[in-house]
Amino acid sequence: MMKTEKEKMLGGELYNAMDPVLYAERSRAKELLYDYNHTRPSEKEIRERILRELLGSTGDDFLIEQPFNCDYGYNIRIGENFYANVGCTILDVAPVTIGDNVMLAPNVNIYTAGHPLDAEIRNSGLEYAYPVNIGNNVWIGGNVTIVPGVTIGANTVIGAGSVVTKDIPANVVAVGNPCRVVRKIPK
């Protein structure tokens, strides 16, 4: 039996992002994001309702400041006591799993989508996606970019402006482009 483009996407295989089903799902997310990003800050209940409809799962206590952008929404799972400051973008073509007590500073970008190096394949419209996992008690500084397939361990701090291209272990401070461990955090 042939796989759907969505099955390929979620399986880390090359897939066609312009598939009508995927296009419709992204369009649904954009409609919800438009509503979310145009609510008043005082409309807390409406904002939470929209995010619960958009995201795959949430804890009871979370706040994502506006504006917020994502591709599908349903591939994002956030834990308890999650906070994302303004300008957060999560390209959730593959699952993005975020633990409890995670804080994202302004303009954090989490990307699961990637494009082939081969120009002919890339120009055909095919792309791929790999999941991103962020452990509990993580603080990610402003203007950080996290690329597809990365895991960040629990209790870790990622310094502002970093580009995280490889897994970062638990209990460390990591900074730079590419992001690298600069010291351990005592337990």
N, C-alpha and C. Protein backbone atom coordinates (compact mmCIF):
# COMPACT_ATOMS: atom_id res chain seq x y z
N MET A 1 0.84 -1.19 0.00
CA MET A 1 0.00 0.00 0.00
C MET A 1 0.88 1.25 0.00
N MET A 2 0.52 2.20 -0.83
CA MET A 2 1.30 3.43 -0.94
C MET A 2 1.07 4.35 0.25
N LYS A 3 2.13 4.97 0.74
CA LYS A 3 2.01 5.90 1.86
C LYS A 3 1.46 7.24 1.37
N THR A 4 0.71 7.89 2.25
CA THR A 4 0.26 9.24 1.95
C THR A 4 1.43 10.20 2.16
N GLU A 5 1.30 11.40 1.64
CA GLU A 5 2.34 12.41 1.85
C GLU A 5 2.47 12.74 3.33
N LYS A 6 1.37 12.74 4.06
CA LYS A 6 1.42 12.99 5.51
C LYS A 6 2.17 11.88 6.23
N GLU A 7 1.93 10.63 5.85
CA GLU A 7 2.66 9.52 6.46
C GLU A 7 4.16 9.63 6.18
N LYS A 8 4.51 10.01 4.95
CA LYS A 8 5.92 10.22 4.62
C LYS A 8 6.50 11.35 5.46
N MET A 9 5.75 12.45 5.57
CA MET A 9 6.20 13.62 6.33
C MET A 9 6.50 13.22 7.78
N LEU A 10 5.56 12.54 8.40
CA LEU A 10 5.72 12.16 9.81
C LEU A 10 6.73 11.05 10.00
N GLY A 11 7.06 10.33 8.92
CA GLY A 11 8.04 9.25 8.99
C GLY A 11 9.46 9.67 8.65
N GLY A 12 9.69 10.98 8.43
CA GLY A 12 11.03 11.46 8.13
C GLY A 12 11.49 11.18 6.72
N GLU A 13 10.55 10.87 5.82
CA GLU A 13 10.87 10.60 4.42
C GLU A 13 10.64 11.86 3.58
N LEU A 14 11.19 11.85 2.37
CA LEU A 14 10.88 12.94 1.46
C LEU A 14 9.39 12.92 1.14
N TYR A 15 8.78 14.09 1.14
CA TYR A 15 7.34 14.20 0.90
C TYR A 15 7.07 15.50 0.16
N ASN A 16 5.88 15.59 -0.42
CA ASN A 16 5.46 16.77 -1.16
C ASN A 16 4.62 17.66 -0.24
N ALA A 17 5.18 18.80 0.16
CA ALA A 17 4.49 19.71 1.08
C ALA A 17 3.27 20.36 0.45
N MET A 18 3.18 20.34 -0.87
CA MET A 18 2.03 20.96 -1.55
C MET A 18 0.89 19.97 -1.76
N ASP A 19 0.99 18.79 -1.17
CA ASP A 19 -0.10 17.83 -1.19
C ASP A 19 -1.37 18.52 -0.70
N PRO A 20 -2.51 18.31 -1.36
CA PRO A 20 -3.74 19.02 -0.97
C PRO A 20 -4.15 18.82 0.49
N VAL A 21 -3.96 17.63 1.03
CA VAL A 21 -4.32 17.39 2.43
C VAL A 21 -3.43 18.22 3.35
N LEU A 22 -2.13 18.20 3.11
CA LEU A 22 -1.20 18.97 3.94
C LEU A 22 -1.44 20.47 3.77
N TYR A 23 -1.69 20.90 2.57
CA TYR A 23 -1.99 22.31 2.32
C TYR A 23 -3.22 22.75 3.12
N ALA A 24 -4.26 21.92 3.11
CA ALA A 24 -5.48 22.23 3.86
C ALA A 24 -5.21 22.29 5.37
N GLU A 25 -4.37 21.39 5.87
CA GLU A 25 -4.05 21.39 7.30
C GLU A 25 -3.25 22.63 7.68
N ARG A 26 -2.32 23.05 6.83
CA ARG A 26 -1.58 24.29 7.10
C ARG A 26 -2.51 25.50 7.04
N SER A 27 -3.44 25.47 6.11
CA SER A 27 -4.40 26.58 6.00
C SER A 27 -5.27 26.68 7.24
N ARG A 28 -5.70 25.54 7.78
CA ARG A 28 -6.47 25.53 9.03
C ARG A 28 -5.66 26.16 10.16
N ALA A 29 -4.38 25.77 10.25
CA ALA A 29 -3.52 26.34 11.29
C ALA A 29 -3.37 27.85 11.11
N LYS A 30 -3.21 28.31 9.88
CA LYS A 30 -3.07 29.75 9.63
C LYS A 30 -4.31 30.52 10.04
N GLU A 31 -5.48 29.93 9.82
CA GLU A 31 -6.73 30.57 10.23
C GLU A 31 -6.77 30.72 11.76
N LEU A 32 -6.43 29.64 12.46
CA LEU A 32 -6.41 29.70 13.92
C LEU A 32 -5.36 30.68 14.42
N LEU A 33 -4.19 30.68 13.78
CA LEU A 33 -3.12 31.62 14.18
C LEU A 33 -3.53 33.07 13.94
N TYR A 34 -4.23 33.31 12.85
CA TYR A 34 -4.72 34.66 12.60
C TYR A 34 -5.62 35.11 13.74
N ASP A 35 -6.56 34.24 14.11
CA ASP A 35 -7.45 34.57 15.22
C ASP A 35 -6.67 34.79 16.50
N TYR A 36 -5.74 33.89 16.78
CA TYR A 36 -4.95 33.99 18.01
C TYR A 36 -4.13 35.29 18.04
N ASN A 37 -3.43 35.57 16.97
CA ASN A 37 -2.54 36.72 16.93
C ASN A 37 -3.30 38.05 16.90
N HIS A 38 -4.61 38.00 16.70
CA HIS A 38 -5.41 39.23 16.70
C HIS A 38 -6.35 39.35 17.89
N THR A 39 -6.17 38.47 18.87
CA THR A 39 -6.93 38.63 20.11
C THR A 39 -6.24 39.66 20.99
N ARG A 40 -7.02 40.24 21.85
CA ARG A 40 -6.47 41.18 22.82
C ARG A 40 -5.76 40.40 23.93
N PRO A 41 -4.69 40.96 24.48
CA PRO A 41 -4.01 40.29 25.58
C PRO A 41 -4.94 39.97 26.75
N SER A 42 -5.98 40.78 26.95
CA SER A 42 -6.93 40.56 28.05
C SER A 42 -7.87 39.39 27.80
N GLU A 43 -7.93 38.87 26.58
CA GLU A 43 -8.84 37.79 26.23
C GLU A 43 -8.18 36.42 26.47
N LYS A 44 -7.76 36.22 27.70
CA LYS A 44 -6.99 35.03 28.07
C LYS A 44 -7.74 33.73 27.74
N GLU A 45 -9.01 33.64 28.05
CA GLU A 45 -9.77 32.42 27.82
C GLU A 45 -9.85 32.10 26.33
N ILE A 46 -10.07 33.11 25.50
CA ILE A 46 -10.15 32.91 24.05
C ILE A 46 -8.79 32.45 23.52
N ARG A 47 -7.73 33.10 23.99
CA ARG A 47 -6.38 32.73 23.54
C ARG A 47 -6.07 31.28 23.89
N GLU A 48 -6.37 30.89 25.13
CA GLU A 48 -6.11 29.50 25.54
C GLU A 48 -6.95 28.52 24.75
N ARG A 49 -8.20 28.85 24.49
CA ARG A 49 -9.07 27.95 23.72
C ARG A 49 -8.51 27.73 22.31
N ILE A 50 -8.07 28.81 21.67
CA ILE A 50 -7.52 28.69 20.32
C ILE A 50 -6.26 27.83 20.34
N LEU A 51 -5.37 28.06 21.30
CA LEU A 51 -4.14 27.26 21.36
C LEU A 51 -4.43 25.79 21.65
N ARG A 52 -5.39 25.52 22.51
CA ARG A 52 -5.73 24.12 22.79
C ARG A 52 -6.31 23.45 21.55
N GLU A 53 -7.03 24.20 20.71
CA GLU A 53 -7.55 23.66 19.46
C GLU A 53 -6.44 23.45 18.43
N LEU A 54 -5.45 24.33 18.45
CA LEU A 54 -4.36 24.30 17.48
C LEU A 54 -3.30 23.25 17.82
N LEU A 55 -2.85 23.24 19.07
CA LEU A 55 -1.70 22.42 19.45
C LEU A 55 -2.10 20.97 19.73
N GLY A 56 -1.11 20.08 19.59
CA GLY A 56 -1.34 18.66 19.84
C GLY A 56 -1.68 18.38 21.29
N SER A 57 -0.98 19.00 22.22
CA SER A 57 -1.30 18.89 23.64
C SER A 57 -0.62 20.01 24.41
N THR A 58 -1.22 20.36 25.54
CA THR A 58 -0.68 21.40 26.41
C THR A 58 -0.81 20.97 27.86
N GLY A 59 -0.03 21.62 28.71
CA GLY A 59 -0.26 21.49 30.14
C GLY A 59 -1.42 22.39 30.52
N ASP A 60 -1.70 22.46 31.82
CA ASP A 60 -2.77 23.35 32.29
C ASP A 60 -2.33 24.81 32.30
N ASP A 61 -1.03 25.04 32.55
CA ASP A 61 -0.51 26.39 32.71
C ASP A 61 0.51 26.67 31.61
N PHE A 62 0.17 27.59 30.69
CA PHE A 62 1.08 27.95 29.60
C PHE A 62 0.72 29.33 29.08
N LEU A 63 1.70 29.96 28.44
CA LEU A 63 1.46 31.24 27.80
C LEU A 63 2.39 31.37 26.60
N ILE A 64 1.80 31.65 25.46
CA ILE A 64 2.56 31.94 24.25
C ILE A 64 2.19 33.36 23.86
N GLU A 65 3.17 34.26 23.92
CA GLU A 65 2.92 35.66 23.58
C GLU A 65 2.71 35.80 22.07
N GLN A 66 2.02 36.82 21.70
CA GLN A 66 1.78 37.11 20.28
C GLN A 66 2.90 37.98 19.73
N PRO A 67 3.27 37.87 18.46
CA PRO A 67 2.75 36.90 17.51
C PRO A 67 3.44 35.54 17.67
N PHE A 68 2.69 34.53 17.30
CA PHE A 68 3.16 33.14 17.30
C PHE A 68 2.85 32.56 15.93
N ASN A 69 3.77 31.75 15.40
CA ASN A 69 3.56 31.12 14.10
C ASN A 69 3.99 29.66 14.15
N CYS A 70 3.27 28.83 13.41
CA CYS A 70 3.64 27.43 13.26
C CYS A 70 3.08 26.93 11.93
N ASP A 71 3.43 25.70 11.56
CA ASP A 71 2.94 25.12 10.31
C ASP A 71 1.61 24.40 10.49
N TYR A 72 1.56 23.45 11.39
CA TYR A 72 0.38 22.61 11.57
C TYR A 72 -0.23 22.74 12.96
N GLY A 73 0.60 22.91 13.96
CA GLY A 73 0.11 23.01 15.33
C GLY A 73 -0.05 21.67 16.01
N TYR A 74 -0.69 20.73 15.34
CA TYR A 74 -0.99 19.44 15.98
C TYR A 74 0.26 18.62 16.29
N ASN A 75 1.41 18.97 15.72
CA ASN A 75 2.65 18.26 16.03
C ASN A 75 3.40 18.87 17.21
N ILE A 76 2.84 19.90 17.85
CA ILE A 76 3.49 20.57 18.97
C ILE A 76 2.86 20.09 20.28
N ARG A 77 3.72 19.62 21.18
CA ARG A 77 3.28 19.20 22.50
C ARG A 77 4.10 19.97 23.53
N ILE A 78 3.39 20.75 24.35
CA ILE A 78 4.08 21.55 25.37
C ILE A 78 3.67 21.05 26.75
N GLY A 79 4.64 21.07 27.64
CA GLY A 79 4.40 20.61 28.99
C GLY A 79 3.82 21.68 29.88
N GLU A 80 3.79 21.38 31.15
CA GLU A 80 3.26 22.28 32.17
C GLU A 80 4.19 23.47 32.37
N ASN A 81 3.60 24.64 32.66
CA ASN A 81 4.34 25.85 32.98
C ASN A 81 5.28 26.24 31.83
N PHE A 82 4.73 26.27 30.61
CA PHE A 82 5.48 26.65 29.41
C PHE A 82 5.27 28.12 29.12
N TYR A 83 6.36 28.79 28.72
CA TYR A 83 6.28 30.20 28.34
C TYR A 83 7.11 30.44 27.08
N ALA A 84 6.47 31.07 26.08
CA ALA A 84 7.17 31.50 24.87
C ALA A 84 6.93 32.99 24.70
N ASN A 85 8.01 33.74 24.63
CA ASN A 85 7.90 35.18 24.46
C ASN A 85 7.56 35.51 23.01
N VAL A 86 7.47 36.79 22.68
CA VAL A 86 7.01 37.25 21.37
C VAL A 86 7.87 36.70 20.24
N GLY A 87 7.23 36.51 19.08
CA GLY A 87 7.95 36.15 17.87
C GLY A 87 8.38 34.71 17.76
N CYS A 88 7.77 33.82 18.50
CA CYS A 88 8.13 32.40 18.43
C CYS A 88 7.59 31.79 17.13
N THR A 89 8.46 31.05 16.44
CA THR A 89 8.07 30.31 15.25
C THR A 89 8.46 28.86 15.43
N ILE A 90 7.49 27.97 15.27
CA ILE A 90 7.76 26.53 15.35
C ILE A 90 7.25 25.90 14.06
N LEU A 91 8.19 25.49 13.20
CA LEU A 91 7.80 24.79 11.98
C LEU A 91 7.68 23.31 12.32
N ASP A 92 6.47 22.93 12.69
CA ASP A 92 6.19 21.61 13.25
C ASP A 92 5.75 20.61 12.19
N VAL A 93 6.58 20.43 11.18
CA VAL A 93 6.30 19.43 10.16
C VAL A 93 6.46 18.03 10.78
N ALA A 94 7.41 17.88 11.67
CA ALA A 94 7.59 16.68 12.48
C ALA A 94 7.24 17.06 13.93
N PRO A 95 7.11 16.09 14.81
CA PRO A 95 6.76 16.40 16.19
C PRO A 95 7.80 17.29 16.88
N VAL A 96 7.28 18.24 17.66
CA VAL A 96 8.09 19.08 18.55
C VAL A 96 7.55 18.83 19.95
N THR A 97 8.38 18.24 20.79
CA THR A 97 7.98 17.90 22.15
C THR A 97 8.77 18.76 23.12
N ILE A 98 8.06 19.51 23.94
CA ILE A 98 8.67 20.45 24.87
C ILE A 98 8.21 20.08 26.28
N GLY A 99 9.18 19.91 27.18
CA GLY A 99 8.88 19.46 28.54
C GLY A 99 8.27 20.52 29.43
N ASP A 100 8.23 20.22 30.72
CA ASP A 100 7.69 21.12 31.73
C ASP A 100 8.70 22.21 32.08
N ASN A 101 8.18 23.36 32.49
CA ASN A 101 9.00 24.48 32.98
C ASN A 101 10.03 24.94 31.95
N VAL A 102 9.59 25.07 30.71
CA VAL A 102 10.46 25.54 29.63
C VAL A 102 10.12 26.98 29.33
N MET A 103 11.16 27.80 29.16
CA MET A 103 10.99 29.21 28.81
C MET A 103 11.73 29.50 27.52
N LEU A 104 11.02 30.15 26.58
CA LEU A 104 11.62 30.60 25.33
C LEU A 104 11.64 32.11 25.33
N ALA A 105 12.80 32.71 25.13
CA ALA A 105 12.92 34.16 25.04
C ALA A 105 12.38 34.64 23.69
N PRO A 106 12.38 35.95 23.42
CA PRO A 106 11.83 36.44 22.15
C PRO A 106 12.54 35.86 20.92
N ASN A 107 11.73 35.67 19.89
CA ASN A 107 12.22 35.30 18.55
C ASN A 107 12.96 33.96 18.49
N VAL A 108 12.49 33.00 19.26
CA VAL A 108 13.05 31.64 19.17
C VAL A 108 12.40 30.95 17.98
N ASN A 109 13.23 30.26 17.19
CA ASN A 109 12.78 29.54 16.01
C ASN A 109 13.12 28.07 16.16
N ILE A 110 12.12 27.22 16.04
CA ILE A 110 12.31 25.77 16.11
C ILE A 110 11.86 25.20 14.77
N TYR A 111 12.79 24.60 14.06
CA TYR A 111 12.51 24.10 12.72
C TYR A 111 12.63 22.58 12.69
N THR A 112 11.60 21.91 12.18
CA THR A 112 11.72 20.48 11.93
C THR A 112 11.83 20.20 10.43
N ALA A 113 11.52 21.19 9.61
CA ALA A 113 11.52 21.01 8.15
C ALA A 113 12.89 21.29 7.57
N GLY A 114 13.24 20.50 6.56
CA GLY A 114 14.50 20.70 5.86
C GLY A 114 14.33 20.39 4.38
N HIS A 115 15.32 20.76 3.61
CA HIS A 115 15.27 20.57 2.16
C HIS A 115 16.51 19.83 1.70
N PRO A 116 16.37 18.95 0.70
CA PRO A 116 17.50 18.15 0.21
C PRO A 116 18.63 19.02 -0.32
N LEU A 117 19.86 18.53 -0.20
CA LEU A 117 21.02 19.23 -0.75
C LEU A 117 21.04 19.17 -2.27
N ASP A 118 20.56 18.07 -2.83
CA ASP A 118 20.54 17.91 -4.28
C ASP A 118 19.52 18.89 -4.88
N ALA A 119 19.99 19.79 -5.73
CA ALA A 119 19.14 20.85 -6.28
C ALA A 119 17.97 20.30 -7.09
N GLU A 120 18.20 19.24 -7.84
CA GLU A 120 17.12 18.69 -8.66
C GLU A 120 15.98 18.17 -7.79
N ILE A 121 16.33 17.46 -6.73
CA ILE A 121 15.31 16.95 -5.80
C ILE A 121 14.65 18.12 -5.08
N ARG A 122 15.45 19.05 -4.60
CA ARG A 122 14.92 20.22 -3.89
C ARG A 122 13.96 21.01 -4.77
N ASN A 123 14.34 21.22 -6.05
CA ASN A 123 13.50 21.99 -6.96
C ASN A 123 12.22 21.26 -7.35
N SER A 124 12.17 19.96 -7.11
CA SER A 124 10.94 19.22 -7.40
C SER A 124 9.86 19.47 -6.35
N GLY A 125 10.24 20.14 -5.26
CA GLY A 125 9.28 20.46 -4.21
C GLY A 125 9.27 19.50 -3.05
N LEU A 126 10.15 18.51 -3.07
CA LEU A 126 10.20 17.55 -1.97
C LEU A 126 10.99 18.14 -0.80
N GLU A 127 10.57 17.79 0.40
CA GLU A 127 11.30 18.18 1.61
C GLU A 127 11.22 17.04 2.61
N TYR A 128 11.86 17.21 3.77
CA TYR A 128 11.85 16.20 4.81
C TYR A 128 11.66 16.88 6.16
N ALA A 129 11.44 16.11 7.20
CA ALA A 129 11.28 16.66 8.54
C ALA A 129 11.78 15.68 9.59
N TYR A 130 12.44 16.21 10.60
CA TYR A 130 12.92 15.40 11.73
C TYR A 130 12.47 16.06 13.03
N PRO A 131 12.08 15.27 14.03
CA PRO A 131 11.55 15.83 15.27
C PRO A 131 12.57 16.61 16.09
N VAL A 132 12.05 17.49 16.94
CA VAL A 132 12.84 18.25 17.91
C VAL A 132 12.28 17.95 19.29
N ASN A 133 13.17 17.68 20.25
CA ASN A 133 12.77 17.39 21.62
C ASN A 133 13.51 18.32 22.57
N ILE A 134 12.77 18.91 23.49
CA ILE A 134 13.35 19.81 24.49
C ILE A 134 12.91 19.30 25.85
N GLY A 135 13.88 19.03 26.73
CA GLY A 135 13.60 18.46 28.04
C GLY A 135 12.98 19.44 29.02
N ASN A 136 12.77 18.98 30.24
CA ASN A 136 12.21 19.80 31.32
C ASN A 136 13.22 20.84 31.79
N ASN A 137 12.70 21.96 32.28
CA ASN A 137 13.51 22.99 32.95
C ASN A 137 14.56 23.60 32.03
N VAL A 138 14.21 23.81 30.77
CA VAL A 138 15.14 24.37 29.80
C VAL A 138 14.81 25.84 29.58
N TRP A 139 15.85 26.65 29.47
CA TRP A 139 15.70 28.07 29.15
C TRP A 139 16.45 28.30 27.84
N ILE A 140 15.73 28.84 26.85
CA ILE A 140 16.32 29.10 25.54
C ILE A 140 16.31 30.62 25.32
N GLY A 141 17.50 31.18 25.13
CA GLY A 141 17.66 32.62 24.99
C GLY A 141 17.11 33.18 23.70
N GLY A 142 17.09 34.51 23.62
CA GLY A 142 16.53 35.21 22.48
C GLY A 142 17.26 34.92 21.18
N ASN A 143 16.48 34.90 20.10
CA ASN A 143 17.01 34.72 18.75
C ASN A 143 17.76 33.41 18.55
N VAL A 144 17.37 32.39 19.28
CA VAL A 144 17.97 31.06 19.09
C VAL A 144 17.23 30.35 17.96
N THR A 145 17.99 29.62 17.15
CA THR A 145 17.43 28.77 16.11
C THR A 145 17.81 27.33 16.41
N ILE A 146 16.80 26.45 16.39
CA ILE A 146 17.00 25.02 16.61
C ILE A 146 16.61 24.32 15.31
N VAL A 147 17.54 23.53 14.77
CA VAL A 147 17.32 22.90 13.46
C VAL A 147 16.74 21.49 13.62
N PRO A 148 16.29 20.88 12.51
CA PRO A 148 15.65 19.57 12.57
C PRO A 148 16.51 18.49 13.22
N GLY A 149 15.83 17.63 13.99
CA GLY A 149 16.46 16.45 14.55
C GLY A 149 17.21 16.65 15.86
N VAL A 150 17.12 17.83 16.46
CA VAL A 150 17.89 18.14 17.66
C VAL A 150 17.13 17.78 18.93
N THR A 151 17.87 17.30 19.93
CA THR A 151 17.35 17.08 21.27
C THR A 151 18.16 17.94 22.24
N ILE A 152 17.47 18.65 23.11
CA ILE A 152 18.11 19.46 24.16
C ILE A 152 17.73 18.83 25.49
N GLY A 153 18.74 18.46 26.28
CA GLY A 153 18.52 17.77 27.54
C GLY A 153 17.94 18.66 28.62
N ALA A 154 17.44 18.03 29.68
CA ALA A 154 16.81 18.72 30.80
C ALA A 154 17.80 19.63 31.53
N ASN A 155 17.25 20.69 32.11
CA ASN A 155 18.00 21.62 32.96
C ASN A 155 19.10 22.37 32.21
N THR A 156 18.95 22.53 30.92
CA THR A 156 19.97 23.16 30.10
C THR A 156 19.57 24.58 29.75
N VAL A 157 20.57 25.43 29.56
CA VAL A 157 20.38 26.82 29.13
C VAL A 157 21.09 26.98 27.79
N ILE A 158 20.35 27.51 26.81
CA ILE A 158 20.92 27.80 25.49
C ILE A 158 21.04 29.33 25.39
N GLY A 159 22.26 29.82 25.21
CA GLY A 159 22.51 31.26 25.18
C GLY A 159 21.92 31.95 23.97
N ALA A 160 21.61 33.22 24.14
CA ALA A 160 21.00 34.04 23.09
C ALA A 160 21.82 34.01 21.81
N GLY A 161 21.11 33.98 20.69
CA GLY A 161 21.74 34.03 19.38
C GLY A 161 22.34 32.72 18.90
N SER A 162 22.18 31.66 19.66
CA SER A 162 22.78 30.38 19.28
C SER A 162 22.02 29.72 18.13
N VAL A 163 22.75 28.91 17.37
CA VAL A 163 22.16 28.07 16.34
C VAL A 163 22.46 26.63 16.74
N VAL A 164 21.42 25.91 17.17
CA VAL A 164 21.59 24.56 17.72
C VAL A 164 21.45 23.57 16.56
N THR A 165 22.60 22.99 16.18
CA THR A 165 22.65 22.07 15.03
C THR A 165 22.85 20.62 15.43
N LYS A 166 23.19 20.39 16.71
CA LYS A 166 23.42 19.03 17.21
C LYS A 166 22.81 18.91 18.60
N ASP A 167 22.61 17.68 19.04
CA ASP A 167 22.06 17.44 20.37
C ASP A 167 22.90 18.12 21.44
N ILE A 168 22.21 18.65 22.46
CA ILE A 168 22.87 19.28 23.60
C ILE A 168 22.47 18.46 24.83
N PRO A 169 23.44 18.04 25.65
CA PRO A 169 23.11 17.18 26.80
C PRO A 169 22.39 17.95 27.91
N ALA A 170 21.97 17.22 28.92
CA ALA A 170 21.33 17.80 30.09
C ALA A 170 22.35 18.52 30.97
N ASN A 171 21.85 19.49 31.74
CA ASN A 171 22.62 20.15 32.80
C ASN A 171 23.84 20.90 32.30
N VAL A 172 23.68 21.65 31.19
CA VAL A 172 24.80 22.42 30.66
C VAL A 172 24.32 23.80 30.21
N VAL A 173 25.29 24.69 30.04
CA VAL A 173 25.09 25.95 29.34
C VAL A 173 25.76 25.78 27.99
N ALA A 174 25.04 26.09 26.93
CA ALA A 174 25.58 25.96 25.58
C ALA A 174 25.29 27.24 24.81
N VAL A 175 26.26 27.69 24.02
CA VAL A 175 26.11 28.93 23.25
C VAL A 175 26.85 28.82 21.92
N GLY A 176 26.52 29.73 21.02
CA GLY A 176 27.31 29.90 19.81
C GLY A 176 26.65 29.43 18.54
N ASN A 177 27.40 29.65 17.46
CA ASN A 177 26.98 29.22 16.13
C ASN A 177 28.16 28.54 15.45
N PRO A 178 28.18 27.20 15.46
CA PRO A 178 27.16 26.32 16.00
C PRO A 178 27.22 26.26 17.53
N CYS A 179 26.07 25.97 18.12
CA CYS A 179 25.95 25.91 19.58
C CYS A 179 26.81 24.78 20.13
N ARG A 180 27.55 25.09 21.20
CA ARG A 180 28.38 24.07 21.84
C ARG A 180 28.39 24.30 23.35
N VAL A 181 28.63 23.25 24.07
CA VAL A 181 28.65 23.30 25.55
C VAL A 181 29.83 24.12 26.01
N VAL A 182 29.57 25.08 26.91
CA VAL A 182 30.65 25.89 27.48
C VAL A 182 30.90 25.57 28.96
N ARG A 183 29.87 25.02 29.63
CA ARG A 183 30.10 24.59 31.01
C ARG A 183 28.95 23.73 31.50
N LYS A 184 29.22 22.97 32.55
CA LYS A 184 28.19 22.15 33.17
C LYS A 184 27.49 22.98 34.24
N ILE A 185 26.23 22.64 34.49
CA ILE A 185 25.46 23.26 35.57
C ILE A 185 25.43 22.26 36.72
N PRO A 186 25.94 22.67 37.91
CA PRO A 186 25.93 21.74 39.03
C PRO A 186 24.50 21.33 39.41
N LYS A 187 24.34 20.07 39.78
CA LYS A 187 23.00 19.58 40.17
C LYS A 187 22.72 19.92 41.59
